[in-house]
PDB file of N, CA and C in Angstrom:
ATOM      1  N   MET A   1      39.412  19.476 -25.201  1.00  0.00           N
ATOM      2  CA  MET A   1      39.301  19.683 -26.631  1.00  0.00           C
ATOM      3  C   MET A   1      39.743  18.439 -27.407  1.00  0.00           C
ATOM      4  N   THR A   2      40.898  17.889 -27.028  1.00  0.00           N
ATOM      5  CA  THR A   2      41.403  16.705 -27.720  1.00  0.00           C
ATOM      6  C   THR A   2      40.459  15.525 -27.550  1.00  0.00           C
ATOM      7  N   ARG A   3      39.956  15.325 -26.332  1.00  0.00           N
ATOM      8  CA  ARG A   3      39.045  14.204 -26.085  1.00  0.00           C
ATOM      9  C   ARG A   3      37.752  14.378 -26.892  1.00  0.00           C
ATOM     10  N   THR A   4      37.268  15.611 -26.999  1.00  0.00           N
ATOM     11  CA  THR A   4      36.056  15.883 -27.777  1.00  0.00           C
ATOM     12  C   THR A   4      36.285  15.561 -29.246  1.00  0.00           C
ATOM     13  N   LEU A   5      37.436  15.944 -29.775  1.00  0.00           N
ATOM     14  CA  LEU A   5      37.769  15.649 -31.166  1.00  0.00           C
ATOM     15  C   LEU A   5      37.875  14.141 -31.390  1.00  0.00           C
ATOM     16  N   LEU A   6      38.471  13.436 -30.444  1.00  0.00           N
ATOM     17  CA  LEU A   6      38.567  11.977 -30.550  1.00  0.00           C
ATOM     18  C   LEU A   6      37.180  11.340 -30.546  1.00  0.00           C
ATOM     19  N   ARG A   7      36.314  11.819 -29.664  1.00  0.00           N
ATOM     20  CA  ARG A   7      34.959  11.258 -29.597  1.00  0.00           C
ATOM     21  C   ARG A   7      34.176  11.550 -30.866  1.00  0.00           C
ATOM     22  N   LEU A   8      34.352  12.724 -31.407  1.00  0.00           N
ATOM     23  CA  LEU A   8      33.694  13.059 -32.670  1.00  0.00           C
ATOM     24  C   LEU A   8      34.204  12.150 -33.782  1.00  0.00           C
ATOM     25  N   SER A   9      35.497  11.907 -33.804  1.00  0.00           N
ATOM     26  CA  SER A   9      36.068  11.046 -34.844  1.00  0.00           C
ATOM     27  C   SER A   9      35.565   9.615 -34.722  1.00  0.00           C
ATOM     28  N   VAL A  10      35.320   9.142 -33.499  1.00  0.00           N
ATOM     29  CA  VAL A  10      34.757   7.796 -33.317  1.00  0.00           C
ATOM     30  C   VAL A  10      33.400   7.708 -34.004  1.00  0.00           C
ATOM     31  N   PHE A  11      32.581   8.729 -33.820  1.00  0.00           N
ATOM     32  CA  PHE A  11      31.247   8.681 -34.403  1.00  0.00           C
ATOM     33  C   PHE A  11      31.266   8.900 -35.911  1.00  0.00           C
ATOM     34  N   VAL A  12      32.233   9.647 -36.409  1.00  0.00           N
ATOM     35  CA  VAL A  12      32.385   9.797 -37.862  1.00  0.00           C
ATOM     36  C   VAL A  12      32.796   8.459 -38.473  1.00  0.00           C
ATOM     37  N   ILE A  13      33.748   7.787 -37.849  1.00  0.00           N
ATOM     38  CA  ILE A  13      34.176   6.468 -38.334  1.00  0.00           C
ATOM     39  C   ILE A  13      33.016   5.478 -38.248  1.00  0.00           C
ATOM     40  N   LEU A  14      32.262   5.509 -37.154  1.00  0.00           N
ATOM     41  CA  LEU A  14      31.114   4.613 -37.009  1.00  0.00           C
ATOM     42  C   LEU A  14      30.090   4.868 -38.106  1.00  0.00           C
ATOM     43  N   ALA A  15      29.777   6.115 -38.381  1.00  0.00           N
ATOM     44  CA  ALA A  15      28.820   6.438 -39.438  1.00  0.00           C
ATOM     45  C   ALA A  15      29.333   5.951 -40.797  1.00  0.00           C
ATOM     46  N   THR A  16      30.627   6.098 -41.017  1.00  0.00           N
ATOM     47  CA  THR A  16      31.220   5.623 -42.267  1.00  0.00           C
ATOM     48  C   THR A  16      31.126   4.108 -42.363  1.00  0.00           C
ATOM     49  N   LEU A  17      31.407   3.412 -41.259  1.00  0.00           N
ATOM     50  CA  LEU A  17      31.296   1.949 -41.248  1.00  0.00           C
ATOM     51  C   LEU A  17      29.866   1.504 -41.531  1.00  0.00           C
ATOM     52  N   VAL A  18      28.903   2.180 -40.938  1.00  0.00           N
ATOM     53  CA  VAL A  18      27.497   1.834 -41.177  1.00  0.00           C
ATOM     54  C   VAL A  18      27.167   2.019 -42.652  1.00  0.00           C
ATOM     55  N   PHE A  19      27.542   3.153 -43.218  1.00  0.00           N
ATOM     56  CA  PHE A  19      27.243   3.399 -44.623  1.00  0.00           C
ATOM     57  C   PHE A  19      27.903   2.370 -45.528  1.00  0.00           C
ATOM     58  N   VAL A  20      29.196   2.171 -45.349  1.00  0.00           N
ATOM     59  CA  VAL A  20      29.941   1.263 -46.228  1.00  0.00           C
ATOM     60  C   VAL A  20      29.461  -0.177 -46.078  1.00  0.00           C
ATOM     61  N   THR A  21      29.068  -0.568 -44.886  1.00  0.00           N
ATOM     62  CA  THR A  21      28.658  -1.948 -44.649  1.00  0.00           C
ATOM     63  C   THR A  21      27.234  -2.227 -45.103  1.00  0.00           C
ATOM     64  N   LEU A  22      26.338  -1.272 -44.946  1.00  0.00           N
ATOM     65  CA  LEU A  22      24.920  -1.543 -45.203  1.00  0.00           C
ATOM     66  C   LEU A  22      24.382  -0.948 -46.499  1.00  0.00           C
ATOM     67  N   SER A  23      25.147  -0.099 -47.155  1.00  0.00           N
ATOM     68  CA  SER A  23      24.672   0.487 -48.410  1.00  0.00           C
ATOM     69  C   SER A  23      24.729  -0.562 -49.516  1.00  0.00           C
ATOM     70  N   PRO A  24      24.006  -0.328 -50.618  1.00  0.00           N
ATOM     71  CA  PRO A  24      24.102  -1.253 -51.750  1.00  0.00           C
ATOM     72  C   PRO A  24      25.553  -1.379 -52.224  1.00  0.00           C
ATOM     73  N   ILE A  25      25.890  -2.540 -52.708  1.00  0.00           N
ATOM     74  CA  ILE A  25      27.276  -2.835 -53.057  1.00  0.00           C
ATOM     75  C   ILE A  25      27.833  -1.860 -54.093  1.00  0.00           C
ATOM     76  N   GLY A  26      26.982  -1.338 -54.946  1.00  0.00           N
ATOM     77  CA  GLY A  26      27.434  -0.394 -55.971  1.00  0.00           C
ATOM     78  C   GLY A  26      27.890   0.935 -55.404  1.00  0.00           C
ATOM     79  N   LEU A  27      27.447   1.288 -54.207  1.00  0.00           N
ATOM     80  CA  LEU A  27      27.848   2.544 -53.572  1.00  0.00           C
ATOM     81  C   LEU A  27      29.097   2.396 -52.715  1.00  0.00           C
ATOM     82  N   ARG A  28      29.529   1.179 -52.516  1.00  0.00           N
ATOM     83  CA  ARG A  28      30.686   0.928 -51.656  1.00  0.00           C
ATOM     84  C   ARG A  28      31.969   1.303 -52.376  1.00  0.00           C
ATOM     85  N   PRO A  29      32.735   2.241 -51.804  1.00  0.00           N
ATOM     86  CA  PRO A  29      34.014   2.591 -52.441  1.00  0.00           C
ATOM     87  C   PRO A  29      35.029   1.468 -52.260  1.00  0.00           C
ATOM     88  N   MET A  30      35.922   1.333 -53.218  1.00  0.00           N
ATOM     89  CA  MET A  30      36.989   0.328 -53.125  1.00  0.00           C
ATOM     90  C   MET A  30      38.333   1.014 -53.334  1.00  0.00           C
ATOM     91  N   VAL A  31      39.210   0.889 -52.346  1.00  0.00           N
ATOM     92  CA  VAL A  31      40.555   1.446 -52.462  1.00  0.00           C
ATOM     93  C   VAL A  31      41.637   0.383 -52.299  1.00  0.00           C
ATOM     94  N   ALA A  32      41.243  -0.764 -51.786  1.00  0.00           N
ATOM     95  CA  ALA A  32      42.191  -1.859 -51.557  1.00  0.00           C
ATOM     96  C   ALA A  32      41.388  -3.165 -51.552  1.00  0.00           C
ATOM     97  N   PRO A  33      42.058  -4.297 -51.471  1.00  0.00           N
ATOM     98  CA  PRO A  33      41.313  -5.545 -51.325  1.00  0.00           C
ATOM     99  C   PRO A  33      40.384  -5.470 -50.110  1.00  0.00           C
ATOM    100  N   ALA A  34      39.237  -6.136 -50.210  1.00  0.00           N
ATOM    101  CA  ALA A  34      38.187  -6.016 -49.194  1.00  0.00           C
ATOM    102  C   ALA A  34      38.682  -6.304 -47.775  1.00  0.00           C
ATOM    103  N   ASN A  35      39.450  -7.351 -47.580  1.00  0.00           N
ATOM    104  CA  ASN A  35      39.912  -7.674 -46.224  1.00  0.00           C
ATOM    105  C   ASN A  35      40.883  -6.630 -45.684  1.00  0.00           C
ATOM    106  N   VAL A  36      41.677  -6.035 -46.540  1.00  0.00           N
ATOM    107  CA  VAL A  36      42.590  -4.976 -46.100  1.00  0.00           C
ATOM    108  C   VAL A  36      41.776  -3.759 -45.662  1.00  0.00           C
ATOM    109  N   GLU A  37      40.767  -3.407 -46.451  1.00  0.00           N
ATOM    110  CA  GLU A  37      39.884  -2.296 -46.076  1.00  0.00           C
ATOM    111  C   GLU A  37      39.197  -2.571 -44.748  1.00  0.00           C
ATOM    112  N   ARG A  38      38.684  -3.777 -44.595  1.00  0.00           N
ATOM    113  CA  ARG A  38      38.005  -4.143 -43.339  1.00  0.00           C
ATOM    114  C   ARG A  38      38.951  -4.024 -42.151  1.00  0.00           C
ATOM    115  N   MET A  39      40.129  -4.605 -42.292  1.00  0.00           N
ATOM    116  CA  MET A  39      41.078  -4.587 -41.181  1.00  0.00           C
ATOM    117  C   MET A  39      41.469  -3.166 -40.803  1.00  0.00           C
ATOM    118  N   CYS A  40      41.780  -2.357 -41.779  1.00  0.00           N
ATOM    119  CA  CYS A  40      42.204  -0.976 -41.495  1.00  0.00           C
ATOM    120  C   CYS A  40      41.075  -0.170 -40.858  1.00  0.00           C
ATOM    121  N   ALA A  41      39.872  -0.296 -41.395  1.00  0.00           N
ATOM    122  CA  ALA A  41      38.744   0.491 -40.890  1.00  0.00           C
ATOM    123  C   ALA A  41      38.403   0.100 -39.452  1.00  0.00           C
ATOM    124  N   TYR A  42      38.322  -1.178 -39.177  1.00  0.00           N
ATOM    125  CA  TYR A  42      37.947  -1.604 -37.828  1.00  0.00           C
ATOM    126  C   TYR A  42      39.082  -1.449 -36.823  1.00  0.00           C
ATOM    127  N   ALA A  43      40.316  -1.579 -37.261  1.00  0.00           N
ATOM    128  CA  ALA A  43      41.440  -1.324 -36.353  1.00  0.00           C
ATOM    129  C   ALA A  43      41.469   0.159 -35.972  1.00  0.00           C
ATOM    130  N   LEU A  44      41.244   1.026 -36.934  1.00  0.00           N
ATOM    131  CA  LEU A  44      41.185   2.458 -36.641  1.00  0.00           C
ATOM    132  C   LEU A  44      40.017   2.770 -35.710  1.00  0.00           C
ATOM    133  N   PHE A  45      38.876   2.157 -35.964  1.00  0.00           N
ATOM    134  CA  PHE A  45      37.709   2.359 -35.105  1.00  0.00           C
ATOM    135  C   PHE A  45      38.010   1.922 -33.672  1.00  0.00           C
ATOM    136  N   GLY A  46      38.572   0.740 -33.498  1.00  0.00           N
ATOM    137  CA  GLY A  46      38.908   0.253 -32.160  1.00  0.00           C
ATOM    138  C   GLY A  46      39.943   1.123 -31.478  1.00  0.00           C
ATOM    139  N   PHE A  47      40.930   1.571 -32.230  1.00  0.00           N
ATOM    140  CA  PHE A  47      41.991   2.419 -31.678  1.00  0.00           C
ATOM    141  C   PHE A  47      41.420   3.743 -31.185  1.00  0.00           C
ATOM    142  N   LEU A  48      40.642   4.409 -32.028  1.00  0.00           N
ATOM    143  CA  LEU A  48      40.059   5.697 -31.643  1.00  0.00           C
ATOM    144  C   LEU A  48      39.060   5.551 -30.505  1.00  0.00           C
ATOM    145  N   LEU A  49      38.332   4.451 -30.496  1.00  0.00           N
ATOM    146  CA  LEU A  49      37.351   4.216 -29.437  1.00  0.00           C
ATOM    147  C   LEU A  49      38.018   4.177 -28.066  1.00  0.00           C
ATOM    148  N   ILE A  50      39.144   3.509 -27.976  1.00  0.00           N
ATOM    149  CA  ILE A  50      39.847   3.420 -26.694  1.00  0.00           C
ATOM    150  C   ILE A  50      40.501   4.751 -26.329  1.00  0.00           C
ATOM    151  N   LEU A  51      41.057   5.446 -27.301  1.00  0.00           N
ATOM    152  CA  LEU A  51      41.644   6.754 -27.007  1.00  0.00           C
ATOM    153  C   LEU A  51      40.578   7.744 -26.549  1.00  0.00           C
ATOM    154  N   ALA A  52      39.381   7.646 -27.111  1.00  0.00           N
ATOM    155  CA  ALA A  52      38.294   8.569 -26.756  1.00  0.00           C
ATOM    156  C   ALA A  52      37.685   8.245 -25.398  1.00  0.00           C
ATOM    157  N   TYR A  53      37.657   6.980 -25.039  1.00  0.00           N
ATOM    158  CA  TYR A  53      37.048   6.538 -23.776  1.00  0.00           C
ATOM    159  C   TYR A  53      38.026   5.628 -23.018  1.00  0.00           C
ATOM    160  N   PRO A  54      39.137   6.165 -22.547  1.00  0.00           N
ATOM    161  CA  PRO A  54      40.191   5.317 -21.975  1.00  0.00           C
ATOM    162  C   PRO A  54      39.841   4.667 -20.642  1.00  0.00           C
ATOM    163  N   ARG A  55      38.981   5.254 -19.855  1.00  0.00           N
ATOM    164  CA  ARG A  55      38.666   4.665 -18.543  1.00  0.00           C
ATOM    165  C   ARG A  55      37.828   3.409 -18.658  1.00  0.00           C
ATOM    166  N   ARG A  56      37.142   3.276 -19.747  1.00  0.00           N
ATOM    167  CA  ARG A  56      36.300   2.095 -19.961  1.00  0.00           C
ATOM    168  C   ARG A  56      36.788   1.322 -21.191  1.00  0.00           C
ATOM    169  N   TRP A  57      38.079   1.071 -21.229  1.00  0.00           N
ATOM    170  CA  TRP A  57      38.681   0.444 -22.395  1.00  0.00           C
ATOM    171  C   TRP A  57      38.089  -0.929 -22.687  1.00  0.00           C
ATOM    172  N   TYR A  58      37.759  -1.679 -21.661  1.00  0.00           N
ATOM    173  CA  TYR A  58      37.208  -3.022 -21.851  1.00  0.00           C
ATOM    174  C   TYR A  58      35.837  -2.954 -22.512  1.00  0.00           C
ATOM    175  N   LEU A  59      35.050  -1.906 -22.212  1.00  0.00           N
ATOM    176  CA  LEU A  59      33.764  -1.727 -22.890  1.00  0.00           C
ATOM    177  C   LEU A  59      33.984  -1.320 -24.342  1.00  0.00           C
ATOM    178  N   GLY A  60      35.001  -0.508 -24.582  1.00  0.00           N
ATOM    179  CA  GLY A  60      35.336  -0.132 -25.950  1.00  0.00           C
ATOM    180  C   GLY A  60      35.764  -1.335 -26.772  1.00  0.00           C
ATOM    181  N   LEU A  61      36.519  -2.209 -26.161  1.00  0.00           N
ATOM    182  CA  LEU A  61      36.942  -3.435 -26.837  1.00  0.00           C
ATOM    183  C   LEU A  61      35.729  -4.261 -27.248  1.00  0.00           C
ATOM    184  N   MET A  62      34.809  -4.444 -26.309  1.00  0.00           N
ATOM    185  CA  MET A  62      33.598  -5.221 -26.612  1.00  0.00           C
ATOM    186  C   MET A  62      32.702  -4.493 -27.606  1.00  0.00           C
ATOM    187  N   ALA A  63      32.614  -3.172 -27.489  1.00  0.00           N
ATOM    188  CA  ALA A  63      31.765  -2.393 -28.399  1.00  0.00           C
ATOM    189  C   ALA A  63      32.268  -2.477 -29.834  1.00  0.00           C
ATOM    190  N   GLY A  64      33.572  -2.395 -30.022  1.00  0.00           N
ATOM    191  CA  GLY A  64      34.132  -2.514 -31.370  1.00  0.00           C
ATOM    192  C   GLY A  64      33.798  -3.847 -32.005  1.00  0.00           C
ATOM    193  N   MET A  65      33.904  -4.906 -31.227  1.00  0.00           N
ATOM    194  CA  MET A  65      33.581  -6.236 -31.744  1.00  0.00           C
ATOM    195  C   MET A  65      32.075  -6.388 -31.960  1.00  0.00           C
ATOM    196  N   ALA A  66      31.275  -5.798 -31.080  1.00  0.00           N
ATOM    197  CA  ALA A  66      29.819  -5.864 -31.228  1.00  0.00           C
ATOM    198  C   ALA A  66      29.352  -5.115 -32.470  1.00  0.00           C
ATOM    199  N   VAL A  67      29.949  -3.964 -32.722  1.00  0.00           N
ATOM    200  CA  VAL A  67      29.599  -3.208 -33.934  1.00  0.00           C
ATOM    201  C   VAL A  67      29.893  -4.052 -35.169  1.00  0.00           C
ATOM    202  N   ALA A  68      31.016  -4.736 -35.170  1.00  0.00           N
ATOM    203  CA  ALA A  68      31.358  -5.605 -36.298  1.00  0.00           C
ATOM    204  C   ALA A  68      30.275  -6.667 -36.504  1.00  0.00           C
ATOM    205  N   GLY A  69      29.828  -7.276 -35.428  1.00  0.00           N
ATOM    206  CA  GLY A  69      28.804  -8.316 -35.536  1.00  0.00           C
ATOM    207  C   GLY A  69      27.452  -7.774 -35.959  1.00  0.00           C
ATOM    208  N   ILE A  70      27.049  -6.666 -35.373  1.00  0.00           N
ATOM    209  CA  ILE A  70      25.745  -6.084 -35.697  1.00  0.00           C
ATOM    210  C   ILE A  70      25.699  -5.631 -37.153  1.00  0.00           C
ATOM    211  N   LEU A  71      26.749  -4.965 -37.598  1.00  0.00           N
ATOM    212  CA  LEU A  71      26.748  -4.501 -38.981  1.00  0.00           C
ATOM    213  C   LEU A  71      26.849  -5.663 -39.970  1.00  0.00           C
ATOM    214  N   GLU A  72      27.609  -6.665 -39.629  1.00  0.00           N
ATOM    215  CA  GLU A  72      27.698  -7.829 -40.521  1.00  0.00           C
ATOM    216  C   GLU A  72      26.339  -8.520 -40.611  1.00  0.00           C
ATOM    217  N   PHE A  73      25.669  -8.676 -39.482  1.00  0.00           N
ATOM    218  CA  PHE A  73      24.333  -9.278 -39.485  1.00  0.00           C
ATOM    219  C   PHE A  73      23.351  -8.401 -40.265  1.00  0.00           C
ATOM    220  N   GLY A  74      23.504  -7.098 -40.171  1.00  0.00           N
ATOM    221  CA  GLY A  74      22.623  -6.178 -40.883  1.00  0.00           C
ATOM    222  C   GLY A  74      22.665  -6.354 -42.391  1.00  0.00           C
ATOM    223  N   GLN A  75      23.737  -6.912 -42.896  1.00  0.00           N
ATOM    224  CA  GLN A  75      23.826  -7.159 -44.339  1.00  0.00           C
ATOM    225  C   GLN A  75      22.824  -8.208 -44.808  1.00  0.00           C
ATOM    226  N   GLU A  76      22.303  -9.002 -43.900  1.00  0.00           N
ATOM    227  CA  GLU A  76      21.282  -9.988 -44.259  1.00  0.00           C
ATOM    228  C   GLU A  76      20.019  -9.327 -44.808  1.00  0.00           C
ATOM    229  N   PHE A  77      19.795  -8.070 -44.468  1.00  0.00           N
ATOM    230  CA  PHE A  77      18.585  -7.371 -44.861  1.00  0.00           C
ATOM    231  C   PHE A  77      18.771  -6.527 -46.123  1.00  0.00           C
ATOM    232  N   SER A  78      19.931  -6.604 -46.721  1.00  0.00           N
ATOM    233  CA  SER A  78      20.208  -5.877 -47.955  1.00  0.00           C
ATOM    234  C   SER A  78      20.241  -6.864 -49.111  1.00  0.00           C
ATOM    235  N   PRO A  79      19.484  -6.587 -50.183  1.00  0.00           N
ATOM    236  CA  PRO A  79      19.448  -7.549 -51.291  1.00  0.00           C
ATOM    237  C   PRO A  79      20.774  -7.680 -52.044  1.00  0.00           C
ATOM    238  N   THR A  80      21.640  -6.677 -51.951  1.00  0.00           N
ATOM    239  CA  THR A  80      22.906  -6.739 -52.689  1.00  0.00           C
ATOM    240  C   THR A  80      24.095  -7.106 -51.808  1.00  0.00           C
ATOM    241  N   ARG A  81      23.842  -7.372 -50.536  1.00  0.00           N
ATOM    242  CA  ARG A  81      24.924  -7.695 -49.611  1.00  0.00           C
ATOM    243  C   ARG A  81      24.690  -9.077 -49.007  1.00  0.00           C
ATOM    244  N   HIS A  82      25.696  -9.609 -48.354  1.00  0.00           N
ATOM    245  CA  HIS A  82      25.581 -10.908 -47.690  1.00  0.00           C
ATOM    246  C   HIS A  82      26.469 -10.909 -46.452  1.00  0.00           C
ATOM    247  N   ALA A  83      25.973 -11.499 -45.407  1.00  0.00           N
ATOM    248  CA  ALA A  83      26.746 -11.607 -44.164  1.00  0.00           C
ATOM    249  C   ALA A  83      27.577 -12.881 -44.214  1.00  0.00           C
ATOM    250  N   ARG A  84      28.813 -12.768 -43.799  1.00  0.00           N
ATOM    251  CA  ARG A  84      29.706 -13.934 -43.761  1.00  0.00           C
ATOM    252  C   ARG A  84      30.409 -13.970 -42.413  1.00  0.00           C
ATOM    253  N   THR A  85      30.507 -15.149 -41.877  1.00  0.00           N
ATOM    254  CA  THR A  85      31.209 -15.321 -40.603  1.00  0.00           C
ATOM    255  C   THR A  85      32.674 -14.921 -40.741  1.00  0.00           C
ATOM    256  N   ALA A  86      33.289 -15.251 -41.852  1.00  0.00           N
ATOM    257  CA  ALA A  86      34.700 -14.918 -42.059  1.00  0.00           C
ATOM    258  C   ALA A  86      34.915 -13.398 -42.051  1.00  0.00           C
ATOM    259  N   ASP A  87      33.987 -12.659 -42.644  1.00  0.00           N
ATOM    260  CA  ASP A  87      34.095 -11.198 -42.636  1.00  0.00           C
ATOM    261  C   ASP A  87      33.973 -10.660 -41.212  1.00  0.00           C
ATOM    262  N   PHE A  88      33.051 -11.223 -40.459  1.00  0.00           N
ATOM    263  CA  PHE A  88      32.898 -10.805 -39.060  1.00  0.00           C
ATOM    264  C   PHE A  88      34.176 -11.063 -38.272  1.00  0.00           C
ATOM    265  N   VAL A  89      34.778 -12.219 -38.470  1.00  0.00           N
ATOM    266  CA  VAL A  89      35.999 -12.564 -37.732  1.00  0.00           C
ATOM    267  C   VAL A  89      37.112 -11.565 -38.047  1.00  0.00           C
ATOM    268  N   VAL A  90      37.259 -11.208 -39.319  1.00  0.00           N
ATOM    269  CA  VAL A  90      38.285 -10.234 -39.707  1.00  0.00           C
ATOM    270  C   VAL A  90      38.001  -8.888 -39.042  1.00  0.00           C
ATOM    271  N   LYS A  91      36.756  -8.438 -39.104  1.00  0.00           N
ATOM    272  CA  LYS A  91      36.385  -7.139 -38.536  1.00  0.00           C
ATOM    273  C   LYS A  91      36.553  -7.121 -37.014  1.00  0.00           C
ATOM    274  N   ALA A  92      36.068  -8.148 -36.344  1.00  0.00           N
ATOM    275  CA  ALA A  92      36.146  -8.196 -34.877  1.00  0.00           C
ATOM    276  C   ALA A  92      37.596  -8.300 -34.410  1.00  0.00           C
ATOM    277  N   ALA A  93      38.385  -9.099 -35.101  1.00  0.00           N
ATOM    278  CA  ALA A  93      39.799  -9.229 -34.727  1.00  0.00           C
ATOM    279  C   ALA A  93      40.534  -7.915 -34.937  1.00  0.00           C
ATOM    280  N   ALA A  94      40.224  -7.219 -36.019  1.00  0.00           N
ATOM    281  CA  ALA A  94      40.869  -5.930 -36.278  1.00  0.00           C
ATOM    282  C   ALA A  94      40.453  -4.895 -35.237  1.00  0.00           C
ATOM    283  N   ALA A  95      39.175  -4.876 -34.867  1.00  0.00           N
ATOM    284  CA  ALA A  95      38.713  -3.955 -33.830  1.00  0.00           C
ATOM    285  C   ALA A  95      39.407  -4.258 -32.503  1.00  0.00           C
ATOM    286  N   ALA A  96      39.542  -5.532 -32.179  1.00  0.00           N
ATOM    287  CA  ALA A  96      40.229  -5.923 -30.950  1.00  0.00           C
ATOM    288  C   ALA A  96      41.704  -5.535 -31.003  1.00  0.00           C
ATOM    289  N   PHE A  97      42.335  -5.744 -32.147  1.00  0.00           N
ATOM    290  CA  PHE A  97      43.746  -5.363 -32.299  1.00  0.00           C
ATOM    291  C   PHE A  97      43.927  -3.864 -32.111  1.00  0.00           C
ATOM    292  N   GLY A  98      43.078  -3.067 -32.759  1.00  0.00           N
ATOM    293  CA  GLY A  98      43.157  -1.611 -32.619  1.00  0.00           C
ATOM    294  C   GLY A  98      42.930  -1.169 -31.186  1.00  0.00           C
ATOM    295  N   SER A  99      41.967  -1.795 -30.524  1.00  0.00           N
ATOM    296  CA  SER A  99      41.665  -1.469 -29.129  1.00  0.00           C
ATOM    297  C   SER A  99      42.840  -1.786 -28.220  1.00  0.00           C
ATOM    298  N   LEU A 100      43.411  -2.958 -28.390  1.00  0.00           N
ATOM    299  CA  LEU A 100      44.546  -3.350 -27.555  1.00  0.00           C
ATOM    300  C   LEU A 100      45.786  -2.508 -27.844  1.00  0.00           C
ATOM    301  N   ALA A 101      45.972  -2.122 -29.099  1.00  0.00           N
ATOM    302  CA  ALA A 101      47.099  -1.245 -29.439  1.00  0.00           C
ATOM    303  C   ALA A 101      46.940   0.103 -28.743  1.00  0.00           C
ATOM    304  N   ALA A 102      45.733   0.647 -28.750  1.00  0.00           N
ATOM    305  CA  ALA A 102      45.482   1.926 -28.076  1.00  0.00           C
ATOM    306  C   ALA A 102      45.686   1.790 -26.573  1.00  0.00           C
ATOM    307  N   TYR A 103      45.246   0.680 -26.007  1.00  0.00           N
ATOM    308  CA  TYR A 103      45.432   0.444 -24.575  1.00  0.00           C
ATOM    309  C   TYR A 103      46.918   0.429 -24.225  1.00  0.00           C
ATOM    310  N   LEU A 104      47.716  -0.229 -25.042  1.00  0.00           N
ATOM    311  CA  LEU A 104      49.154  -0.283 -24.800  1.00  0.00           C
ATOM    312  C   LEU A 104      49.799   1.094 -24.954  1.00  0.00           C
ATOM    313  N   VAL A 105      49.349   1.867 -25.927  1.00  0.00           N
ATOM    314  CA  VAL A 105      49.862   3.229 -26.095  1.00  0.00           C
ATOM    315  C   VAL A 105      49.541   4.069 -24.867  1.00  0.00           C
ATOM    316  N   LEU A 106      48.316   3.982 -24.382  1.00  0.00           N
ATOM    317  CA  LEU A 106      47.913   4.735 -23.197  1.00  0.00           C
ATOM    318  C   LEU A 106      48.689   4.287 -21.959  1.00  0.00           C
ATOM    319  N   ALA A 107      48.909   2.982 -21.830  1.00  0.00           N
ATOM    320  CA  ALA A 107      49.661   2.471 -20.683  1.00  0.00           C
ATOM    321  C   ALA A 107      51.114   2.949 -20.727  1.00  0.00           C
ATOM    322  N   ALA A 108      51.713   2.940 -21.898  1.00  0.00           N
ATOM    323  CA  ALA A 108      53.090   3.410 -22.033  1.00  0.00           C
ATOM    324  C   ALA A 108      53.166   4.914 -21.753  1.00  0.00           C
ATOM    325  N   TYR A 109      52.214   5.650 -22.263  1.00  0.00           N
ATOM    326  CA  TYR A 109      52.184   7.098 -22.021  1.00  0.00           C
ATOM    327  C   TYR A 109      52.048   7.388 -20.532  1.00  0.00           C
ATOM    328  N   ALA A 110      51.173   6.675 -19.855  1.00  0.00           N
ATOM    329  CA  ALA A 110      50.980   6.877 -18.415  1.00  0.00           C
ATOM    330  C   ALA A 110      52.256   6.537 -17.641  1.00  0.00           C
ATOM    331  N   ARG A 111      52.958   5.531 -18.084  1.00  0.00           N
ATOM    332  CA  ARG A 111      54.181   5.122 -17.386  1.00  0.00           C
ATOM    333  C   ARG A 111      55.274   6.170 -17.505  1.00  0.00           C
ATOM    334  N   PHE A 112      55.399   6.764 -18.698  1.00  0.00           N
ATOM    335  CA  PHE A 112      56.468   7.733 -18.912  1.00  0.00           C
ATOM    336  C   PHE A 112      56.089   9.151 -18.495  1.00  0.00           C
ATOM    337  N   GLU A 113      54.836   9.406 -18.282  1.00  0.00           N
ATOM    338  CA  GLU A 113      54.395  10.748 -17.907  1.00  0.00           C
ATOM    339  C   GLU A 113      54.225  10.921 -16.398  1.00  0.00           C
ATOM    340  N   ARG A 114      54.465   9.879 -15.634  1.00  0.00           N
ATOM    341  CA  ARG A 114      54.351  10.000 -14.175  1.00  0.00           C
ATOM    342  C   ARG A 114      55.420  10.937 -13.644  1.00  0.00           C
ATOM    343  N   PRO A 115      55.048  11.808 -12.733  1.00  0.00           N
ATOM    344  CA  PRO A 115      56.069  12.686 -12.150  1.00  0.00           C
ATOM    345  C   PRO A 115      57.058  11.870 -11.314  1.00  0.00           C
ATOM    346  N   SER A 116      58.276  12.236 -11.407  1.00  0.00           N
ATOM    347  CA  SER A 116      59.316  11.544 -10.661  1.00  0.00           C
ATOM    348  C   SER A 116      59.317  12.026  -9.212  1.00  0.00           C
ATOM    349  N   ALA A 117      59.538  11.123  -8.286  1.00  0.00           N
ATOM    350  CA  ALA A 117      59.563  11.457  -6.876  1.00  0.00           C
ATOM    351  C   ALA A 117      60.886  12.140  -6.497  1.00  0.00           C
ATOM    352  N   THR A 118      61.887  12.073  -7.366  1.00  0.00           N
ATOM    353  CA  THR A 118      63.206  12.628  -7.049  1.00  0.00           C
ATOM    354  C   THR A 118      63.372  14.063  -7.502  1.00  0.00           C
ATOM    355  N   ARG A 119      62.380  14.676  -8.071  1.00  0.00           N
ATOM    356  CA  ARG A 119      62.521  16.057  -8.560  1.00  0.00           C
ATOM    357  C   ARG A 119      62.604  17.036  -7.468  1.00  0.00           C
TER     358      ARG A 119
END
């Protein structure tokens, strides 16, 4: 159940990223400075991606960064948007940070949840 909810949340976040990144600029909500929004959104995406698919964490890491690149490039086809290398770097780095943070959380959890041989 928990894994299913995590996987659903990954796709909800992905759909939100697609909408916010590729929609006309007038439809884009603003709650914080653009780079802060980018970092938070992609870090959350990377974090949830690894929690949802922990056995293939390295693919999740690459997928988070690839999504950042594909969506940034997709802005080239929108008349009100523009693709920037700097934006991609912020998004990809945040996705990688979120992914690695989730990996470390999972590794720590696995270390402390191992059954003790002395019981």
